[in-house]
Amino acid sequence: MNVEKSARPVLAGKCLCGAVEYAVADEFVYAANCHCSACRRATGSAFKPFAGIERSKLAITQGADKLMLFGDDHGCDTRCKLCGSLLYSVVREGMFVHVTMGSLVDDPAIRPTKHIFVGSKAGWFTITDDLPQYREHAGTAEPSGE
């Protein structure tokens, strides 16, 4: 995992307590706000803003021994085991990571472009922006307009 060879800047990220730090290339392929119940429970929030990138473009630069995985190498949430911060999720059979945008120290070039899984969003939360909304995963589906 050599993120320094990236054509774009390398972004820094870290957990709340600072025990775990990572570097990720600013080459995110997609970004979204996920409202599924698993992401809501994992973050303790109405949704999880995340940016997706190939797993090889993220490297832990400090505190690898402080990581806590919930799941396995093919799909898991990765947290700091000291403060509990959710840093990223390993997805797509272990090939990609969904970096939680709130754990980034630096500002990425990408912004979320859609809301996904709005069919299971928190009833107490109202989406107030104009991004497309998808009842489930965006994939090839048309926005639901919810």
N, C-alpha and C. Protein backbone atom coordinates (compact mmCIF):
# COMPACT_ATOMS: atom_id res chain seq x y z
N MET A 1 0.84 -1.18 0.00
CA MET A 1 0.00 0.00 0.00
C MET A 1 0.88 1.24 0.00
N ASN A 2 1.20 1.72 -1.17
CA ASN A 2 2.05 2.90 -1.27
C ASN A 2 1.25 4.06 -1.82
N VAL A 3 0.66 4.84 -0.94
CA VAL A 3 -0.18 5.95 -1.36
C VAL A 3 0.65 7.16 -1.82
N GLU A 4 1.95 7.18 -1.51
CA GLU A 4 2.77 8.32 -1.91
C GLU A 4 2.94 8.40 -3.43
N LYS A 5 2.78 7.31 -4.17
CA LYS A 5 2.95 7.31 -5.62
C LYS A 5 1.71 7.80 -6.35
N SER A 6 0.75 8.32 -5.63
CA SER A 6 -0.49 8.81 -6.20
C SER A 6 -0.25 10.12 -6.96
N ALA A 7 -1.02 10.31 -8.04
CA ALA A 7 -0.93 11.54 -8.83
C ALA A 7 -1.57 12.71 -8.08
N ARG A 8 -2.56 12.45 -7.28
CA ARG A 8 -3.25 13.49 -6.50
C ARG A 8 -2.67 13.55 -5.10
N PRO A 9 -3.04 14.60 -4.37
CA PRO A 9 -2.54 14.71 -2.98
C PRO A 9 -2.96 13.52 -2.13
N VAL A 10 -2.19 13.30 -1.08
CA VAL A 10 -2.51 12.27 -0.10
C VAL A 10 -3.16 12.98 1.08
N LEU A 11 -4.30 12.46 1.51
CA LEU A 11 -5.05 13.04 2.61
C LEU A 11 -4.72 12.30 3.91
N ALA A 12 -4.81 13.02 5.00
CA ALA A 12 -4.62 12.42 6.32
C ALA A 12 -5.97 12.21 6.97
N GLY A 13 -6.04 11.17 7.79
CA GLY A 13 -7.23 10.90 8.58
C GLY A 13 -6.80 10.34 9.91
N LYS A 14 -7.69 10.44 10.91
CA LYS A 14 -7.36 9.89 12.22
C LYS A 14 -8.61 9.70 13.06
N CYS A 15 -8.44 8.98 14.14
CA CYS A 15 -9.53 8.75 15.07
C CYS A 15 -9.63 9.92 16.05
N LEU A 16 -10.62 9.89 16.88
CA LEU A 16 -10.86 10.97 17.85
C LEU A 16 -9.70 11.15 18.83
N CYS A 17 -9.16 10.06 19.35
CA CYS A 17 -8.10 10.17 20.35
C CYS A 17 -6.72 10.33 19.73
N GLY A 18 -6.59 10.13 18.42
CA GLY A 18 -5.32 10.30 17.73
C GLY A 18 -4.40 9.09 17.76
N ALA A 19 -4.85 7.99 18.34
CA ALA A 19 -4.00 6.80 18.41
C ALA A 19 -3.82 6.14 17.05
N VAL A 20 -4.83 6.26 16.18
CA VAL A 20 -4.75 5.67 14.83
C VAL A 20 -4.78 6.79 13.81
N GLU A 21 -3.84 6.74 12.88
CA GLU A 21 -3.79 7.69 11.78
C GLU A 21 -3.66 6.91 10.48
N TYR A 22 -4.19 7.49 9.41
CA TYR A 22 -4.07 6.84 8.10
C TYR A 22 -3.81 7.88 7.03
N ALA A 23 -3.33 7.39 5.88
CA ALA A 23 -3.14 8.22 4.69
C ALA A 23 -3.95 7.56 3.58
N VAL A 24 -4.59 8.39 2.77
CA VAL A 24 -5.39 7.88 1.67
C VAL A 24 -5.23 8.82 0.48
N ALA A 25 -5.09 8.24 -0.71
CA ALA A 25 -4.97 9.05 -1.92
C ALA A 25 -6.29 9.80 -2.14
N ASP A 26 -6.20 11.02 -2.60
CA ASP A 26 -7.40 11.81 -2.90
C ASP A 26 -7.89 11.42 -4.30
N GLU A 27 -8.22 10.14 -4.43
CA GLU A 27 -8.67 9.56 -5.70
C GLU A 27 -9.96 8.76 -5.50
N PHE A 28 -10.83 9.27 -4.66
CA PHE A 28 -12.07 8.55 -4.38
C PHE A 28 -12.89 8.38 -5.65
N VAL A 29 -13.51 7.21 -5.78
CA VAL A 29 -14.27 6.85 -6.98
C VAL A 29 -15.72 7.32 -6.86
N TYR A 30 -16.25 7.31 -5.65
CA TYR A 30 -17.64 7.71 -5.41
C TYR A 30 -17.77 8.14 -3.96
N ALA A 31 -18.85 8.87 -3.68
CA ALA A 31 -19.15 9.28 -2.30
C ALA A 31 -20.66 9.38 -2.15
N ALA A 32 -21.16 9.00 -0.98
CA ALA A 32 -22.60 9.01 -0.74
C ALA A 32 -22.88 9.18 0.74
N ASN A 33 -24.14 9.44 1.04
CA ASN A 33 -24.65 9.44 2.40
C ASN A 33 -25.52 8.21 2.55
N CYS A 34 -25.10 7.27 3.38
CA CYS A 34 -25.84 6.01 3.54
C CYS A 34 -26.75 6.08 4.76
N HIS A 35 -28.03 5.81 4.55
CA HIS A 35 -29.04 5.87 5.61
C HIS A 35 -29.48 4.48 6.08
N CYS A 36 -28.77 3.41 5.68
CA CYS A 36 -29.19 2.07 6.10
C CYS A 36 -29.07 1.94 7.62
N SER A 37 -29.82 1.00 8.17
CA SER A 37 -29.83 0.85 9.62
C SER A 37 -28.47 0.44 10.17
N ALA A 38 -27.68 -0.34 9.41
CA ALA A 38 -26.35 -0.75 9.88
C ALA A 38 -25.43 0.46 9.99
N CYS A 39 -25.45 1.34 8.99
CA CYS A 39 -24.59 2.54 9.05
C CYS A 39 -25.05 3.49 10.15
N ARG A 40 -26.37 3.59 10.34
CA ARG A 40 -26.86 4.45 11.42
C ARG A 40 -26.40 3.93 12.78
N ARG A 41 -26.48 2.62 12.97
CA ARG A 41 -26.03 2.05 14.25
C ARG A 41 -24.52 2.17 14.42
N ALA A 42 -23.77 1.97 13.32
CA ALA A 42 -22.30 2.03 13.40
C ALA A 42 -21.81 3.43 13.73
N THR A 43 -22.54 4.45 13.28
CA THR A 43 -22.10 5.83 13.51
C THR A 43 -22.82 6.52 14.65
N GLY A 44 -23.98 6.00 15.04
CA GLY A 44 -24.78 6.68 16.05
C GLY A 44 -25.38 7.97 15.52
N SER A 45 -25.57 8.03 14.22
CA SER A 45 -26.03 9.24 13.57
C SER A 45 -27.14 8.91 12.57
N ALA A 46 -27.69 9.94 11.93
CA ALA A 46 -28.77 9.75 10.96
C ALA A 46 -28.30 9.05 9.69
N PHE A 47 -27.03 9.22 9.35
CA PHE A 47 -26.47 8.58 8.15
C PHE A 47 -24.95 8.61 8.24
N LYS A 48 -24.32 7.84 7.34
CA LYS A 48 -22.86 7.80 7.28
C LYS A 48 -22.39 8.40 5.96
N PRO A 49 -21.76 9.57 5.99
CA PRO A 49 -21.13 10.09 4.78
C PRO A 49 -19.83 9.32 4.56
N PHE A 50 -19.68 8.74 3.37
CA PHE A 50 -18.48 7.96 3.09
C PHE A 50 -17.99 8.21 1.67
N ALA A 51 -16.72 7.92 1.45
CA ALA A 51 -16.12 8.00 0.13
C ALA A 51 -15.44 6.67 -0.16
N GLY A 52 -15.70 6.11 -1.33
CA GLY A 52 -15.17 4.80 -1.70
C GLY A 52 -13.91 4.89 -2.53
N ILE A 53 -12.97 3.99 -2.22
CA ILE A 53 -11.68 3.95 -2.92
C ILE A 53 -11.12 2.54 -2.84
N GLU A 54 -10.25 2.20 -3.78
CA GLU A 54 -9.59 0.90 -3.75
C GLU A 54 -8.82 0.76 -2.43
N ARG A 55 -8.90 -0.42 -1.85
CA ARG A 55 -8.29 -0.67 -0.54
C ARG A 55 -6.79 -0.40 -0.55
N SER A 56 -6.14 -0.65 -1.67
CA SER A 56 -4.69 -0.47 -1.77
C SER A 56 -4.26 1.00 -1.68
N LYS A 57 -5.21 1.92 -1.77
CA LYS A 57 -4.89 3.34 -1.74
C LYS A 57 -5.04 3.96 -0.35
N LEU A 58 -5.22 3.12 0.66
CA LEU A 58 -5.30 3.56 2.05
C LEU A 58 -4.24 2.82 2.85
N ALA A 59 -3.51 3.53 3.68
CA ALA A 59 -2.48 2.91 4.52
C ALA A 59 -2.59 3.45 5.94
N ILE A 60 -2.49 2.57 6.91
CA ILE A 60 -2.43 2.97 8.31
C ILE A 60 -1.01 3.47 8.56
N THR A 61 -0.88 4.70 9.03
CA THR A 61 0.45 5.29 9.25
C THR A 61 0.86 5.29 10.72
N GLN A 62 -0.11 5.09 11.60
CA GLN A 62 0.18 5.02 13.03
C GLN A 62 -0.93 4.24 13.72
N GLY A 63 -0.55 3.37 14.65
CA GLY A 63 -1.52 2.70 15.50
C GLY A 63 -2.19 1.48 14.90
N ALA A 64 -1.53 0.78 13.99
CA ALA A 64 -2.14 -0.43 13.41
C ALA A 64 -2.52 -1.44 14.49
N ASP A 65 -1.76 -1.45 15.57
CA ASP A 65 -2.05 -2.36 16.67
C ASP A 65 -3.24 -1.91 17.51
N LYS A 66 -3.76 -0.72 17.22
CA LYS A 66 -4.90 -0.17 17.95
C LYS A 66 -6.21 -0.32 17.17
N LEU A 67 -6.17 -1.05 16.06
CA LEU A 67 -7.38 -1.23 15.26
C LEU A 67 -8.26 -2.34 15.82
N MET A 68 -9.55 -2.14 15.71
CA MET A 68 -10.54 -3.16 16.09
C MET A 68 -11.42 -3.39 14.85
N LEU A 69 -11.52 -4.64 14.44
CA LEU A 69 -12.32 -4.99 13.26
C LEU A 69 -13.60 -5.68 13.69
N PHE A 70 -14.70 -5.25 13.11
CA PHE A 70 -15.98 -5.92 13.33
C PHE A 70 -16.36 -6.52 11.99
N GLY A 71 -16.14 -7.81 11.83
CA GLY A 71 -16.35 -8.51 10.57
C GLY A 71 -15.10 -9.29 10.23
N ASP A 72 -14.81 -9.41 8.91
CA ASP A 72 -13.61 -10.13 8.48
C ASP A 72 -12.90 -9.35 7.38
N ASP A 73 -11.86 -9.95 6.78
CA ASP A 73 -11.06 -9.26 5.76
C ASP A 73 -11.84 -8.89 4.51
N HIS A 74 -12.97 -9.53 4.28
CA HIS A 74 -13.75 -9.29 3.07
C HIS A 74 -14.87 -8.27 3.28
N GLY A 75 -15.15 -7.96 4.53
CA GLY A 75 -16.19 -6.99 4.85
C GLY A 75 -16.22 -6.71 6.34
N CYS A 76 -15.82 -5.50 6.72
CA CYS A 76 -15.78 -5.19 8.15
C CYS A 76 -15.80 -3.68 8.37
N ASP A 77 -16.13 -3.29 9.58
CA ASP A 77 -15.96 -1.93 10.04
C ASP A 77 -14.64 -1.88 10.80
N THR A 78 -13.85 -0.85 10.56
CA THR A 78 -12.55 -0.70 11.20
C THR A 78 -12.59 0.52 12.10
N ARG A 79 -12.32 0.28 13.38
CA ARG A 79 -12.40 1.33 14.40
C ARG A 79 -11.10 1.40 15.20
N CYS A 80 -10.93 2.51 15.90
CA CYS A 80 -9.89 2.59 16.92
C CYS A 80 -10.42 1.85 18.14
N LYS A 81 -9.63 0.92 18.68
CA LYS A 81 -10.13 0.17 19.83
C LYS A 81 -10.02 0.96 21.13
N LEU A 82 -9.36 2.12 21.09
CA LEU A 82 -9.28 2.95 22.30
C LEU A 82 -10.46 3.91 22.42
N CYS A 83 -10.76 4.64 21.34
CA CYS A 83 -11.84 5.64 21.42
C CYS A 83 -13.11 5.21 20.69
N GLY A 84 -13.02 4.17 19.85
CA GLY A 84 -14.19 3.65 19.16
C GLY A 84 -14.52 4.34 17.85
N SER A 85 -13.74 5.32 17.42
CA SER A 85 -14.04 6.02 16.16
C SER A 85 -14.10 5.05 14.99
N LEU A 86 -15.15 5.19 14.18
CA LEU A 86 -15.27 4.42 12.94
C LEU A 86 -14.44 5.13 11.88
N LEU A 87 -13.42 4.45 11.36
CA LEU A 87 -12.50 5.05 10.39
C LEU A 87 -12.89 4.71 8.96
N TYR A 88 -13.16 3.44 8.72
CA TYR A 88 -13.55 3.00 7.39
C TYR A 88 -14.18 1.61 7.46
N SER A 89 -14.88 1.28 6.39
CA SER A 89 -15.47 -0.06 6.25
C SER A 89 -14.84 -0.73 5.05
N VAL A 90 -14.48 -1.98 5.20
CA VAL A 90 -13.97 -2.78 4.09
C VAL A 90 -15.18 -3.40 3.41
N VAL A 91 -15.29 -3.20 2.09
CA VAL A 91 -16.48 -3.63 1.34
C VAL A 91 -16.06 -4.29 0.02
N ARG A 92 -17.05 -4.74 -0.73
CA ARG A 92 -16.85 -5.29 -2.07
C ARG A 92 -15.80 -6.39 -2.08
N GLU A 93 -16.04 -7.40 -1.23
CA GLU A 93 -15.15 -8.56 -1.11
C GLU A 93 -13.72 -8.17 -0.75
N GLY A 94 -13.58 -7.11 0.03
CA GLY A 94 -12.27 -6.69 0.51
C GLY A 94 -11.47 -5.84 -0.46
N MET A 95 -12.04 -5.49 -1.59
CA MET A 95 -11.30 -4.74 -2.61
C MET A 95 -11.37 -3.22 -2.42
N PHE A 96 -12.41 -2.73 -1.75
CA PHE A 96 -12.61 -1.29 -1.56
C PHE A 96 -12.77 -0.97 -0.08
N VAL A 97 -12.56 0.29 0.26
CA VAL A 97 -12.89 0.78 1.58
C VAL A 97 -13.82 1.97 1.43
N HIS A 98 -14.74 2.09 2.36
CA HIS A 98 -15.60 3.27 2.47
C HIS A 98 -15.07 4.08 3.64
N VAL A 99 -14.32 5.12 3.33
CA VAL A 99 -13.73 5.98 4.35
C VAL A 99 -14.83 6.88 4.91
N THR A 100 -14.97 6.88 6.23
CA THR A 100 -15.94 7.79 6.84
C THR A 100 -15.39 9.20 6.70
N MET A 101 -16.14 10.05 6.02
CA MET A 101 -15.62 11.38 5.68
C MET A 101 -15.33 12.22 6.92
N GLY A 102 -16.02 11.93 8.01
CA GLY A 102 -15.77 12.67 9.25
C GLY A 102 -14.43 12.35 9.89
N SER A 103 -13.79 11.24 9.49
CA SER A 103 -12.49 10.90 10.06
C SER A 103 -11.34 11.52 9.27
N LEU A 104 -11.64 12.15 8.13
CA LEU A 104 -10.59 12.81 7.35
C LEU A 104 -10.17 14.12 8.02
N VAL A 105 -8.88 14.35 8.11
CA VAL A 105 -8.34 15.61 8.62
C VAL A 105 -8.33 16.63 7.49
N ASP A 106 -7.95 16.16 6.30
CA ASP A 106 -7.87 17.02 5.12
C ASP A 106 -9.16 16.96 4.32
N ASP A 107 -9.40 18.01 3.55
CA ASP A 107 -10.61 18.13 2.75
C ASP A 107 -10.45 17.39 1.41
N PRO A 108 -11.28 16.38 1.14
CA PRO A 108 -11.15 15.66 -0.13
C PRO A 108 -11.75 16.46 -1.29
N ALA A 109 -11.34 16.11 -2.49
CA ALA A 109 -11.88 16.77 -3.69
C ALA A 109 -13.34 16.36 -3.92
N ILE A 110 -13.69 15.14 -3.53
CA ILE A 110 -15.04 14.61 -3.79
C ILE A 110 -16.02 15.05 -2.71
N ARG A 111 -17.29 15.10 -3.09
CA ARG A 111 -18.39 15.36 -2.16
C ARG A 111 -19.44 14.28 -2.38
N PRO A 112 -20.24 13.96 -1.36
CA PRO A 112 -21.32 13.00 -1.59
C PRO A 112 -22.22 13.46 -2.73
N THR A 113 -22.62 12.51 -3.57
CA THR A 113 -23.45 12.84 -4.74
C THR A 113 -24.85 12.26 -4.65
N LYS A 114 -25.14 11.51 -3.59
CA LYS A 114 -26.46 10.89 -3.47
C LYS A 114 -26.70 10.42 -2.04
N HIS A 115 -27.96 10.14 -1.76
CA HIS A 115 -28.38 9.50 -0.52
C HIS A 115 -28.83 8.09 -0.90
N ILE A 116 -28.30 7.08 -0.18
CA ILE A 116 -28.70 5.70 -0.47
C ILE A 116 -29.39 5.09 0.75
N PHE A 117 -30.19 4.09 0.49
CA PHE A 117 -30.98 3.38 1.51
C PHE A 117 -31.90 4.32 2.28
N VAL A 118 -32.50 5.28 1.57
CA VAL A 118 -33.43 6.19 2.24
C VAL A 118 -34.72 5.48 2.62
N GLY A 119 -34.95 4.30 2.07
CA GLY A 119 -36.12 3.51 2.46
C GLY A 119 -36.06 3.06 3.91
N SER A 120 -34.86 3.08 4.50
CA SER A 120 -34.74 2.71 5.92
C SER A 120 -34.12 3.83 6.74
N LYS A 121 -34.23 5.06 6.26
CA LYS A 121 -33.66 6.19 7.00
C LYS A 121 -34.41 6.41 8.32
N ALA A 122 -33.76 7.11 9.22
CA ALA A 122 -34.37 7.43 10.52
C ALA A 122 -35.59 8.32 10.29
N GLY A 123 -36.70 7.95 10.89
CA GLY A 123 -37.94 8.72 10.74
C GLY A 123 -37.84 10.13 11.27
N TRP A 124 -36.96 10.35 12.23
CA TRP A 124 -36.81 11.66 12.84
C TRP A 124 -35.91 12.60 12.04
N PHE A 125 -35.31 12.08 10.94
CA PHE A 125 -34.40 12.90 10.14
C PHE A 125 -35.03 13.26 8.80
N THR A 126 -34.91 14.53 8.41
CA THR A 126 -35.42 14.99 7.12
C THR A 126 -34.24 15.39 6.24
N ILE A 127 -34.19 14.83 5.05
CA ILE A 127 -33.15 15.20 4.08
C ILE A 127 -33.57 16.53 3.46
N THR A 128 -32.71 17.51 3.55
CA THR A 128 -33.07 18.86 3.09
C THR A 128 -32.26 19.34 1.89
N ASP A 129 -31.34 18.52 1.37
CA ASP A 129 -30.58 18.96 0.20
C ASP A 129 -31.23 18.41 -1.07
N ASP A 130 -30.65 18.74 -2.20
CA ASP A 130 -31.21 18.34 -3.49
C ASP A 130 -30.51 17.14 -4.12
N LEU A 131 -29.69 16.42 -3.36
CA LEU A 131 -29.02 15.24 -3.92
C LEU A 131 -30.05 14.16 -4.23
N PRO A 132 -29.82 13.36 -5.27
CA PRO A 132 -30.75 12.27 -5.58
C PRO A 132 -30.86 11.30 -4.40
N GLN A 133 -32.04 10.75 -4.23
CA GLN A 133 -32.31 9.80 -3.15
C GLN A 133 -32.70 8.45 -3.74
N TYR A 134 -32.06 7.39 -3.22
CA TYR A 134 -32.34 6.03 -3.68
C TYR A 134 -32.89 5.22 -2.53
N ARG A 135 -33.97 4.52 -2.78
CA ARG A 135 -34.63 3.71 -1.75
C ARG A 135 -33.67 2.68 -1.17
N GLU A 136 -32.86 2.08 -2.02
CA GLU A 136 -31.85 1.11 -1.58
C GLU A 136 -30.51 1.55 -2.13
N HIS A 137 -29.70 0.60 -2.57
CA HIS A 137 -28.40 0.94 -3.15
C HIS A 137 -28.62 1.60 -4.51
N ALA A 138 -27.80 2.57 -4.86
CA ALA A 138 -28.00 3.30 -6.11
C ALA A 138 -27.86 2.40 -7.32
N GLY A 139 -26.73 1.69 -7.45
CA GLY A 139 -26.53 0.80 -8.57
C GLY A 139 -27.02 1.40 -9.88
N THR A 140 -27.97 0.72 -10.50
CA THR A 140 -28.55 1.21 -11.74
C THR A 140 -29.96 1.74 -11.54
N ALA A 141 -30.39 1.82 -10.29
CA ALA A 141 -31.75 2.27 -9.98
C ALA A 141 -31.90 3.77 -10.25
N GLU A 142 -33.11 4.17 -10.52
CA GLU A 142 -33.44 5.57 -10.66
C GLU A 142 -33.71 6.16 -9.27
N PRO A 143 -33.44 7.44 -9.07
CA PRO A 143 -33.75 8.06 -7.77
C PRO A 143 -35.22 7.88 -7.43
N SER A 144 -35.49 7.72 -6.14
CA SER A 144 -36.87 7.47 -5.71
C SER A 144 -37.65 8.74 -5.48
N GLY A 145 -36.97 9.85 -5.29
CA GLY A 145 -37.67 11.11 -5.07
C GLY A 145 -38.30 11.22 -3.71
N GLU A 146 -37.86 10.40 -2.77
CA GLU A 146 -38.43 10.45 -1.41
C GLU A 146 -38.03 11.70 -0.70
